[in-house]
Amino acid sequence: MVNIKETDLAFGQLADREETNLIVIHHVGETDRDVSAAEIHEWHKENGWSGIGYHYVIRKDGTIERGRPRDVVGAHAQGFNSRSIGINIVGDFEQAVPEPAQIESASMLIAELCNIYSLCPDAQTIVGHRDLMNTDCPGCNLYDMLQDIRGKAIWYQQQEEQQ
């Protein structure tokens, strides 16, 4: 079981997600500072949204923070929110490289989510934001690591099955 730090963020009305068949990986971009889910929540509220659009935020030290509740529609990948979970890995990965702790946490979280939703962590299920629309997100340095993250997620799934 992955340890998720609850943030108790306040949202307006959120719709339940009826289908989950995609996990979308994002980065903060434009800053490599270690921002929190609460800070992103405030940014997104300033945009007029209900709050943070991502379901999870992975900090520089690997801490996973709750964004939106897991089973509600996100606001992170237009046209795909009704069927996806959004994970934001904190950093600007056009410039920087993710911390090893972030990669491990992302892999463990993805494995757990894939188990919950009966998904395979492959390239059709675990995608970068740029796979869905014209954006640099999640940055070239993180995007280049997605196959490694998928492989680690499969390994974590296998470990869970053996227990």
N, C-alpha and C. Protein backbone atom coordinates (compact mmCIF):
# COMPACT_ATOMS: atom_id res chain seq x y z
N MET A 1 0.85 -1.18 0.00
CA MET A 1 0.00 0.00 0.00
C MET A 1 0.90 1.24 0.00
N VAL A 2 0.66 2.12 -0.93
CA VAL A 2 1.43 3.35 -1.07
C VAL A 2 0.97 4.35 -0.02
N ASN A 3 1.92 5.04 0.59
CA ASN A 3 1.60 6.05 1.59
C ASN A 3 1.29 7.36 0.87
N ILE A 4 0.07 7.86 1.07
CA ILE A 4 -0.36 9.11 0.45
C ILE A 4 -0.66 10.11 1.55
N LYS A 5 -0.02 11.26 1.45
CA LYS A 5 -0.24 12.32 2.43
C LYS A 5 -1.54 13.04 2.08
N GLU A 6 -2.49 12.96 2.98
CA GLU A 6 -3.77 13.63 2.77
C GLU A 6 -3.59 15.13 2.94
N THR A 7 -4.25 15.90 2.08
CA THR A 7 -4.09 17.35 2.10
C THR A 7 -5.36 18.07 2.53
N ASP A 8 -6.50 17.38 2.50
CA ASP A 8 -7.78 17.95 2.92
C ASP A 8 -8.08 19.27 2.22
N LEU A 9 -7.84 19.32 0.93
CA LEU A 9 -8.10 20.52 0.14
C LEU A 9 -9.61 20.67 -0.07
N ALA A 10 -10.08 21.89 -0.09
CA ALA A 10 -11.51 22.16 -0.27
C ALA A 10 -11.81 22.41 -1.74
N PHE A 11 -12.84 21.75 -2.24
CA PHE A 11 -13.27 21.88 -3.63
C PHE A 11 -14.74 22.26 -3.68
N GLY A 12 -15.12 22.82 -4.81
CA GLY A 12 -16.53 22.99 -5.10
C GLY A 12 -17.09 21.65 -5.56
N GLN A 13 -18.14 21.71 -6.33
CA GLN A 13 -18.78 20.50 -6.85
C GLN A 13 -17.84 19.78 -7.81
N LEU A 14 -17.63 18.48 -7.61
CA LEU A 14 -16.81 17.66 -8.50
C LEU A 14 -17.64 16.46 -8.95
N ALA A 15 -17.49 16.07 -10.20
CA ALA A 15 -18.23 14.94 -10.75
C ALA A 15 -17.45 13.65 -10.54
N ASP A 16 -18.16 12.56 -10.26
CA ASP A 16 -17.52 11.26 -10.15
C ASP A 16 -17.06 10.79 -11.52
N ARG A 17 -15.89 10.13 -11.55
CA ARG A 17 -15.37 9.56 -12.79
C ARG A 17 -15.94 8.15 -12.90
N GLU A 18 -16.61 7.87 -14.00
CA GLU A 18 -17.28 6.58 -14.16
C GLU A 18 -16.39 5.51 -14.78
N GLU A 19 -15.33 5.93 -15.44
CA GLU A 19 -14.43 5.00 -16.12
C GLU A 19 -12.99 5.47 -15.87
N THR A 20 -12.08 4.51 -15.68
CA THR A 20 -10.67 4.84 -15.54
C THR A 20 -9.87 3.87 -16.38
N ASN A 21 -9.26 4.39 -17.46
CA ASN A 21 -8.45 3.52 -18.31
C ASN A 21 -7.18 4.20 -18.78
N LEU A 22 -6.81 5.32 -18.10
CA LEU A 22 -5.65 6.08 -18.52
C LEU A 22 -5.05 6.80 -17.31
N ILE A 23 -3.72 6.82 -17.24
CA ILE A 23 -3.01 7.58 -16.22
C ILE A 23 -2.08 8.53 -16.97
N VAL A 24 -2.24 9.83 -16.69
CA VAL A 24 -1.51 10.86 -17.42
C VAL A 24 -0.46 11.48 -16.51
N ILE A 25 0.78 11.50 -16.97
CA ILE A 25 1.90 12.03 -16.21
C ILE A 25 2.19 13.47 -16.65
N HIS A 26 2.33 14.35 -15.65
CA HIS A 26 2.58 15.77 -15.87
C HIS A 26 3.81 16.21 -15.08
N HIS A 27 4.29 17.42 -15.38
CA HIS A 27 5.26 18.10 -14.52
C HIS A 27 4.72 19.49 -14.24
N VAL A 28 5.29 20.17 -13.26
CA VAL A 28 4.86 21.52 -12.97
C VAL A 28 5.25 22.44 -14.12
N GLY A 29 6.48 22.34 -14.57
CA GLY A 29 6.98 23.21 -15.64
C GLY A 29 7.16 24.63 -15.13
N GLU A 30 8.00 25.37 -15.78
CA GLU A 30 8.28 26.78 -15.51
C GLU A 30 8.91 27.06 -14.15
N THR A 31 8.95 26.09 -13.26
CA THR A 31 9.70 26.22 -12.01
C THR A 31 10.18 24.84 -11.60
N ASP A 32 11.38 24.78 -11.09
CA ASP A 32 11.89 23.51 -10.58
C ASP A 32 11.81 23.48 -9.05
N ARG A 33 11.11 24.46 -8.50
CA ARG A 33 10.92 24.53 -7.05
C ARG A 33 10.04 23.39 -6.58
N ASP A 34 10.22 22.96 -5.34
CA ASP A 34 9.46 21.85 -4.76
C ASP A 34 8.10 22.38 -4.27
N VAL A 35 7.14 22.51 -5.18
CA VAL A 35 5.83 23.04 -4.81
C VAL A 35 4.93 21.94 -4.29
N SER A 36 4.00 22.32 -3.45
CA SER A 36 3.08 21.36 -2.82
C SER A 36 1.76 21.29 -3.58
N ALA A 37 0.98 20.26 -3.27
CA ALA A 37 -0.36 20.15 -3.83
C ALA A 37 -1.19 21.36 -3.42
N ALA A 38 -1.01 21.84 -2.20
CA ALA A 38 -1.77 23.01 -1.72
C ALA A 38 -1.44 24.25 -2.55
N GLU A 39 -0.17 24.42 -2.91
CA GLU A 39 0.21 25.58 -3.71
C GLU A 39 -0.37 25.47 -5.13
N ILE A 40 -0.30 24.30 -5.72
CA ILE A 40 -0.89 24.09 -7.05
C ILE A 40 -2.41 24.31 -6.98
N HIS A 41 -3.02 23.86 -5.89
CA HIS A 41 -4.45 24.07 -5.66
C HIS A 41 -4.80 25.55 -5.74
N GLU A 42 -3.99 26.38 -5.09
CA GLU A 42 -4.23 27.83 -5.12
C GLU A 42 -4.03 28.39 -6.52
N TRP A 43 -3.00 27.95 -7.23
CA TRP A 43 -2.78 28.40 -8.61
C TRP A 43 -4.00 28.09 -9.47
N HIS A 44 -4.51 26.86 -9.36
CA HIS A 44 -5.62 26.44 -10.20
C HIS A 44 -6.90 27.17 -9.82
N LYS A 45 -7.09 27.44 -8.56
CA LYS A 45 -8.26 28.23 -8.14
C LYS A 45 -8.18 29.64 -8.73
N GLU A 46 -6.97 30.21 -8.79
CA GLU A 46 -6.78 31.53 -9.40
C GLU A 46 -7.14 31.52 -10.90
N ASN A 47 -7.06 30.33 -11.53
CA ASN A 47 -7.47 30.17 -12.93
C ASN A 47 -8.98 30.03 -13.06
N GLY A 48 -9.69 30.02 -11.94
CA GLY A 48 -11.14 29.87 -11.96
C GLY A 48 -11.61 28.43 -11.91
N TRP A 49 -10.70 27.50 -11.64
CA TRP A 49 -11.06 26.09 -11.54
C TRP A 49 -11.54 25.78 -10.13
N SER A 50 -12.06 24.56 -9.94
CA SER A 50 -12.52 24.12 -8.62
C SER A 50 -11.37 23.89 -7.65
N GLY A 51 -10.17 23.87 -8.18
CA GLY A 51 -8.97 23.60 -7.38
C GLY A 51 -8.01 22.78 -8.21
N ILE A 52 -7.05 22.18 -7.56
CA ILE A 52 -6.02 21.41 -8.24
C ILE A 52 -6.65 20.41 -9.21
N GLY A 53 -6.12 20.37 -10.41
CA GLY A 53 -6.66 19.49 -11.44
C GLY A 53 -6.12 18.07 -11.39
N TYR A 54 -4.99 17.87 -10.70
CA TYR A 54 -4.33 16.56 -10.62
C TYR A 54 -4.86 15.78 -9.42
N HIS A 55 -4.80 14.48 -9.52
CA HIS A 55 -5.21 13.63 -8.41
C HIS A 55 -4.08 13.41 -7.40
N TYR A 56 -2.84 13.46 -7.90
CA TYR A 56 -1.67 13.24 -7.05
C TYR A 56 -0.56 14.19 -7.45
N VAL A 57 0.24 14.57 -6.45
CA VAL A 57 1.44 15.37 -6.66
C VAL A 57 2.58 14.63 -5.99
N ILE A 58 3.69 14.46 -6.71
CA ILE A 58 4.86 13.78 -6.14
C ILE A 58 5.96 14.80 -5.97
N ARG A 59 6.28 15.05 -4.69
CA ARG A 59 7.27 16.07 -4.32
C ARG A 59 8.68 15.57 -4.59
N LYS A 60 9.65 16.47 -4.46
CA LYS A 60 11.06 16.15 -4.76
C LYS A 60 11.61 15.00 -3.90
N ASP A 61 11.12 14.91 -2.66
CA ASP A 61 11.61 13.84 -1.77
C ASP A 61 10.85 12.53 -1.94
N GLY A 62 9.93 12.49 -2.92
CA GLY A 62 9.15 11.28 -3.18
C GLY A 62 7.83 11.23 -2.44
N THR A 63 7.55 12.19 -1.59
CA THR A 63 6.25 12.22 -0.89
C THR A 63 5.13 12.36 -1.90
N ILE A 64 4.12 11.53 -1.76
CA ILE A 64 2.94 11.61 -2.62
C ILE A 64 1.84 12.34 -1.85
N GLU A 65 1.36 13.43 -2.42
CA GLU A 65 0.29 14.21 -1.80
C GLU A 65 -0.99 14.05 -2.60
N ARG A 66 -2.09 14.01 -1.88
CA ARG A 66 -3.40 13.93 -2.54
C ARG A 66 -3.73 15.29 -3.15
N GLY A 67 -4.22 15.27 -4.37
CA GLY A 67 -4.78 16.45 -5.01
C GLY A 67 -6.29 16.31 -4.95
N ARG A 68 -6.89 16.08 -6.11
CA ARG A 68 -8.33 15.79 -6.15
C ARG A 68 -8.57 14.39 -5.58
N PRO A 69 -9.76 14.14 -5.07
CA PRO A 69 -10.09 12.77 -4.67
C PRO A 69 -9.91 11.82 -5.86
N ARG A 70 -9.49 10.61 -5.58
CA ARG A 70 -9.10 9.66 -6.63
C ARG A 70 -10.20 9.37 -7.64
N ASP A 71 -11.44 9.28 -7.22
CA ASP A 71 -12.51 8.83 -8.10
C ASP A 71 -13.35 9.94 -8.71
N VAL A 72 -12.83 11.17 -8.72
CA VAL A 72 -13.57 12.26 -9.38
C VAL A 72 -12.86 12.65 -10.67
N VAL A 73 -13.59 13.34 -11.53
CA VAL A 73 -13.03 13.82 -12.79
C VAL A 73 -11.98 14.88 -12.49
N GLY A 74 -10.84 14.76 -13.13
CA GLY A 74 -9.76 15.72 -12.96
C GLY A 74 -9.91 16.89 -13.92
N ALA A 75 -8.91 17.77 -13.88
CA ALA A 75 -8.83 18.91 -14.81
C ALA A 75 -7.36 19.05 -15.19
N HIS A 76 -6.86 18.07 -15.95
CA HIS A 76 -5.43 18.03 -16.25
C HIS A 76 -5.12 17.69 -17.70
N ALA A 77 -6.06 17.11 -18.44
CA ALA A 77 -5.83 16.73 -19.84
C ALA A 77 -7.15 16.84 -20.59
N GLN A 78 -7.39 18.02 -21.12
CA GLN A 78 -8.67 18.31 -21.77
C GLN A 78 -9.04 17.23 -22.78
N GLY A 79 -10.28 16.77 -22.68
CA GLY A 79 -10.77 15.72 -23.56
C GLY A 79 -10.55 14.32 -23.02
N PHE A 80 -9.74 14.19 -21.98
CA PHE A 80 -9.42 12.87 -21.40
C PHE A 80 -9.70 12.80 -19.90
N ASN A 81 -10.13 13.90 -19.31
CA ASN A 81 -10.33 13.95 -17.86
C ASN A 81 -11.38 12.97 -17.36
N SER A 82 -12.40 12.70 -18.15
CA SER A 82 -13.50 11.85 -17.69
C SER A 82 -13.11 10.39 -17.55
N ARG A 83 -11.90 10.04 -18.05
CA ARG A 83 -11.48 8.63 -17.97
C ARG A 83 -10.05 8.45 -17.47
N SER A 84 -9.48 9.52 -16.89
CA SER A 84 -8.07 9.42 -16.51
C SER A 84 -7.79 9.93 -15.11
N ILE A 85 -6.63 9.51 -14.62
CA ILE A 85 -6.06 10.00 -13.37
C ILE A 85 -4.84 10.82 -13.74
N GLY A 86 -4.69 12.00 -13.12
CA GLY A 86 -3.54 12.86 -13.38
C GLY A 86 -2.55 12.82 -12.24
N ILE A 87 -1.29 12.57 -12.57
CA ILE A 87 -0.20 12.57 -11.60
C ILE A 87 0.79 13.66 -12.01
N ASN A 88 1.04 14.60 -11.11
CA ASN A 88 2.00 15.66 -11.36
C ASN A 88 3.27 15.37 -10.57
N ILE A 89 4.38 15.26 -11.28
CA ILE A 89 5.68 15.08 -10.65
C ILE A 89 6.34 16.45 -10.63
N VAL A 90 6.61 16.95 -9.44
CA VAL A 90 7.05 18.33 -9.25
C VAL A 90 8.42 18.58 -9.85
N GLY A 91 8.51 19.59 -10.69
CA GLY A 91 9.76 20.00 -11.31
C GLY A 91 9.52 20.54 -12.70
N ASP A 92 10.55 21.11 -13.27
CA ASP A 92 10.53 21.55 -14.66
C ASP A 92 11.46 20.62 -15.41
N PHE A 93 10.90 19.59 -16.01
CA PHE A 93 11.71 18.54 -16.59
C PHE A 93 12.07 18.79 -18.06
N GLU A 94 11.88 20.02 -18.50
CA GLU A 94 12.53 20.46 -19.73
C GLU A 94 13.98 20.82 -19.38
N GLN A 95 14.21 21.26 -18.14
CA GLN A 95 15.54 21.71 -17.69
C GLN A 95 16.18 20.69 -16.74
N ALA A 96 15.43 20.24 -15.77
CA ALA A 96 15.95 19.40 -14.69
C ALA A 96 15.62 17.92 -14.94
N VAL A 97 16.13 17.08 -14.07
CA VAL A 97 15.88 15.65 -14.12
C VAL A 97 15.14 15.26 -12.84
N PRO A 98 14.13 14.39 -12.93
CA PRO A 98 13.42 13.98 -11.72
C PRO A 98 14.36 13.32 -10.72
N GLU A 99 14.05 13.50 -9.45
CA GLU A 99 14.81 12.85 -8.39
C GLU A 99 14.50 11.35 -8.39
N PRO A 100 15.48 10.50 -8.05
CA PRO A 100 15.21 9.06 -7.98
C PRO A 100 14.01 8.72 -7.08
N ALA A 101 13.85 9.44 -5.98
CA ALA A 101 12.72 9.17 -5.08
C ALA A 101 11.39 9.45 -5.78
N GLN A 102 11.35 10.44 -6.67
CA GLN A 102 10.13 10.73 -7.42
C GLN A 102 9.79 9.59 -8.38
N ILE A 103 10.81 9.06 -9.03
CA ILE A 103 10.61 7.95 -9.97
C ILE A 103 10.09 6.72 -9.24
N GLU A 104 10.68 6.42 -8.08
CA GLU A 104 10.22 5.26 -7.31
C GLU A 104 8.78 5.45 -6.84
N SER A 105 8.48 6.62 -6.30
CA SER A 105 7.11 6.88 -5.83
C SER A 105 6.11 6.82 -6.97
N ALA A 106 6.46 7.40 -8.11
CA ALA A 106 5.57 7.35 -9.27
C ALA A 106 5.31 5.90 -9.68
N SER A 107 6.36 5.09 -9.70
CA SER A 107 6.23 3.69 -10.10
C SER A 107 5.34 2.92 -9.13
N MET A 108 5.53 3.14 -7.85
CA MET A 108 4.71 2.45 -6.84
C MET A 108 3.25 2.90 -6.93
N LEU A 109 3.03 4.21 -7.08
CA LEU A 109 1.67 4.74 -7.18
C LEU A 109 0.98 4.19 -8.43
N ILE A 110 1.67 4.20 -9.55
CA ILE A 110 1.10 3.68 -10.79
C ILE A 110 0.75 2.20 -10.64
N ALA A 111 1.64 1.43 -10.02
CA ALA A 111 1.35 0.00 -9.80
C ALA A 111 0.09 -0.17 -8.98
N GLU A 112 -0.05 0.60 -7.91
CA GLU A 112 -1.23 0.49 -7.06
C GLU A 112 -2.50 0.90 -7.82
N LEU A 113 -2.42 1.99 -8.56
CA LEU A 113 -3.59 2.44 -9.33
C LEU A 113 -3.96 1.41 -10.40
N CYS A 114 -2.97 0.84 -11.04
CA CYS A 114 -3.24 -0.19 -12.04
C CYS A 114 -3.91 -1.41 -11.40
N ASN A 115 -3.50 -1.77 -10.20
CA ASN A 115 -4.17 -2.87 -9.49
C ASN A 115 -5.61 -2.51 -9.15
N ILE A 116 -5.83 -1.30 -8.65
CA ILE A 116 -7.18 -0.86 -8.27
C ILE A 116 -8.12 -0.88 -9.48
N TYR A 117 -7.64 -0.39 -10.62
CA TYR A 117 -8.49 -0.24 -11.80
C TYR A 117 -8.30 -1.35 -12.84
N SER A 118 -7.56 -2.41 -12.49
CA SER A 118 -7.32 -3.55 -13.39
C SER A 118 -6.72 -3.09 -14.72
N LEU A 119 -5.67 -2.29 -14.63
CA LEU A 119 -4.97 -1.77 -15.81
C LEU A 119 -3.59 -2.39 -15.92
N CYS A 120 -3.07 -2.42 -17.13
CA CYS A 120 -1.69 -2.83 -17.37
C CYS A 120 -0.86 -1.56 -17.54
N PRO A 121 0.25 -1.43 -16.83
CA PRO A 121 1.06 -0.21 -16.96
C PRO A 121 1.89 -0.19 -18.24
N ASP A 122 1.21 -0.15 -19.36
CA ASP A 122 1.90 -0.12 -20.65
C ASP A 122 1.80 1.26 -21.28
N ALA A 123 2.34 1.40 -22.48
CA ALA A 123 2.41 2.70 -23.14
C ALA A 123 1.04 3.21 -23.60
N GLN A 124 0.04 2.36 -23.65
CA GLN A 124 -1.31 2.80 -24.00
C GLN A 124 -2.06 3.32 -22.77
N THR A 125 -1.63 2.91 -21.59
CA THR A 125 -2.32 3.25 -20.34
C THR A 125 -1.60 4.34 -19.57
N ILE A 126 -0.28 4.30 -19.53
CA ILE A 126 0.53 5.28 -18.80
C ILE A 126 1.16 6.20 -19.85
N VAL A 127 0.66 7.43 -19.92
CA VAL A 127 1.09 8.33 -20.99
C VAL A 127 1.56 9.66 -20.42
N GLY A 128 2.38 10.33 -21.20
CA GLY A 128 2.73 11.71 -20.90
C GLY A 128 1.65 12.62 -21.44
N HIS A 129 1.48 13.77 -20.81
CA HIS A 129 0.49 14.74 -21.26
C HIS A 129 0.66 15.03 -22.75
N ARG A 130 1.91 15.09 -23.22
CA ARG A 130 2.19 15.41 -24.63
C ARG A 130 1.69 14.34 -25.58
N ASP A 131 1.42 13.13 -25.09
CA ASP A 131 0.87 12.08 -25.95
C ASP A 131 -0.58 12.37 -26.33
N LEU A 132 -1.21 13.26 -25.58
CA LEU A 132 -2.63 13.54 -25.77
C LEU A 132 -2.91 14.87 -26.45
N MET A 133 -1.97 15.81 -26.35
CA MET A 133 -2.17 17.13 -26.94
C MET A 133 -0.84 17.83 -27.16
N ASN A 134 -0.88 18.96 -27.82
CA ASN A 134 0.33 19.70 -28.17
C ASN A 134 0.84 20.47 -26.95
N THR A 135 1.78 19.87 -26.23
CA THR A 135 2.39 20.47 -25.05
C THR A 135 3.76 19.85 -24.84
N ASP A 136 4.64 20.54 -24.14
CA ASP A 136 5.93 19.97 -23.77
C ASP A 136 5.82 19.07 -22.54
N CYS A 137 4.74 19.18 -21.81
CA CYS A 137 4.51 18.43 -20.57
C CYS A 137 4.54 16.93 -20.85
N PRO A 138 5.24 16.14 -20.10
CA PRO A 138 5.86 16.36 -18.80
C PRO A 138 7.34 16.73 -18.85
N GLY A 139 7.75 17.39 -19.91
CA GLY A 139 9.16 17.74 -20.06
C GLY A 139 9.93 16.58 -20.65
N CYS A 140 10.90 16.88 -21.49
CA CYS A 140 11.63 15.83 -22.21
C CYS A 140 12.37 14.88 -21.27
N ASN A 141 12.91 15.39 -20.17
CA ASN A 141 13.69 14.52 -19.28
C ASN A 141 12.83 13.51 -18.54
N LEU A 142 11.62 13.89 -18.14
CA LEU A 142 10.70 12.94 -17.52
C LEU A 142 10.08 12.04 -18.58
N TYR A 143 9.71 12.62 -19.70
CA TYR A 143 9.09 11.83 -20.77
C TYR A 143 10.00 10.67 -21.19
N ASP A 144 11.30 10.95 -21.27
CA ASP A 144 12.27 9.92 -21.66
C ASP A 144 12.38 8.80 -20.62
N MET A 145 11.86 9.02 -19.42
CA MET A 145 11.93 8.03 -18.35
C MET A 145 10.63 7.23 -18.19
N LEU A 146 9.61 7.55 -18.99
CA LEU A 146 8.32 6.88 -18.80
C LEU A 146 8.39 5.37 -18.99
N GLN A 147 9.19 4.90 -19.93
CA GLN A 147 9.29 3.45 -20.11
C GLN A 147 9.92 2.79 -18.88
N ASP A 148 10.91 3.43 -18.29
CA ASP A 148 11.49 2.90 -17.05
C ASP A 148 10.46 2.89 -15.93
N ILE A 149 9.66 3.94 -15.83
CA ILE A 149 8.62 4.02 -14.80
C ILE A 149 7.59 2.90 -15.00
N ARG A 150 7.20 2.68 -16.25
CA ARG A 150 6.26 1.59 -16.54
C ARG A 150 6.84 0.24 -16.12
N GLY A 151 8.12 0.03 -16.45
CA GLY A 151 8.79 -1.23 -16.08
C GLY A 151 8.85 -1.42 -14.58
N LYS A 152 9.17 -0.37 -13.85
CA LYS A 152 9.21 -0.46 -12.39
C LYS A 152 7.81 -0.72 -11.83
N ALA A 153 6.80 -0.11 -12.45
CA ALA A 153 5.42 -0.32 -11.99
C ALA A 153 5.03 -1.80 -12.16
N ILE A 154 5.43 -2.39 -13.27
CA ILE A 154 5.16 -3.82 -13.47
C ILE A 154 5.85 -4.64 -12.39
N TRP A 155 7.09 -4.29 -12.07
CA TRP A 155 7.82 -5.01 -11.02
C TRP A 155 7.10 -4.88 -9.68
N TYR A 156 6.65 -3.67 -9.33
CA TYR A 156 5.91 -3.48 -8.08
C TYR A 156 4.61 -4.26 -8.08
N GLN A 157 3.94 -4.34 -9.22
CA GLN A 157 2.71 -5.15 -9.31
C GLN A 157 3.02 -6.61 -9.02
N GLN A 158 4.10 -7.12 -9.59
CA GLN A 158 4.48 -8.51 -9.39
C GLN A 158 4.82 -8.78 -7.93
N GLN A 159 5.48 -7.83 -7.27
CA GLN A 159 5.81 -7.99 -5.85
C GLN A 159 4.54 -8.07 -5.02
N GLU A 160 3.57 -7.24 -5.35
CA GLU A 160 2.29 -7.23 -4.63
C GLU A 160 1.56 -8.56 -4.80
N GLU A 161 1.59 -9.10 -6.02
CA GLU A 161 0.93 -10.37 -6.31
C GLU A 161 1.56 -11.51 -5.53
N GLN A 162 2.87 -11.46 -5.28
CA GLN A 162 3.57 -12.54 -4.59
C GLN A 162 3.32 -12.52 -3.08
N GLN A 163 2.78 -11.43 -2.58
CA GLN A 163 2.55 -11.34 -1.13
C GLN A 163 1.22 -11.91 -0.72
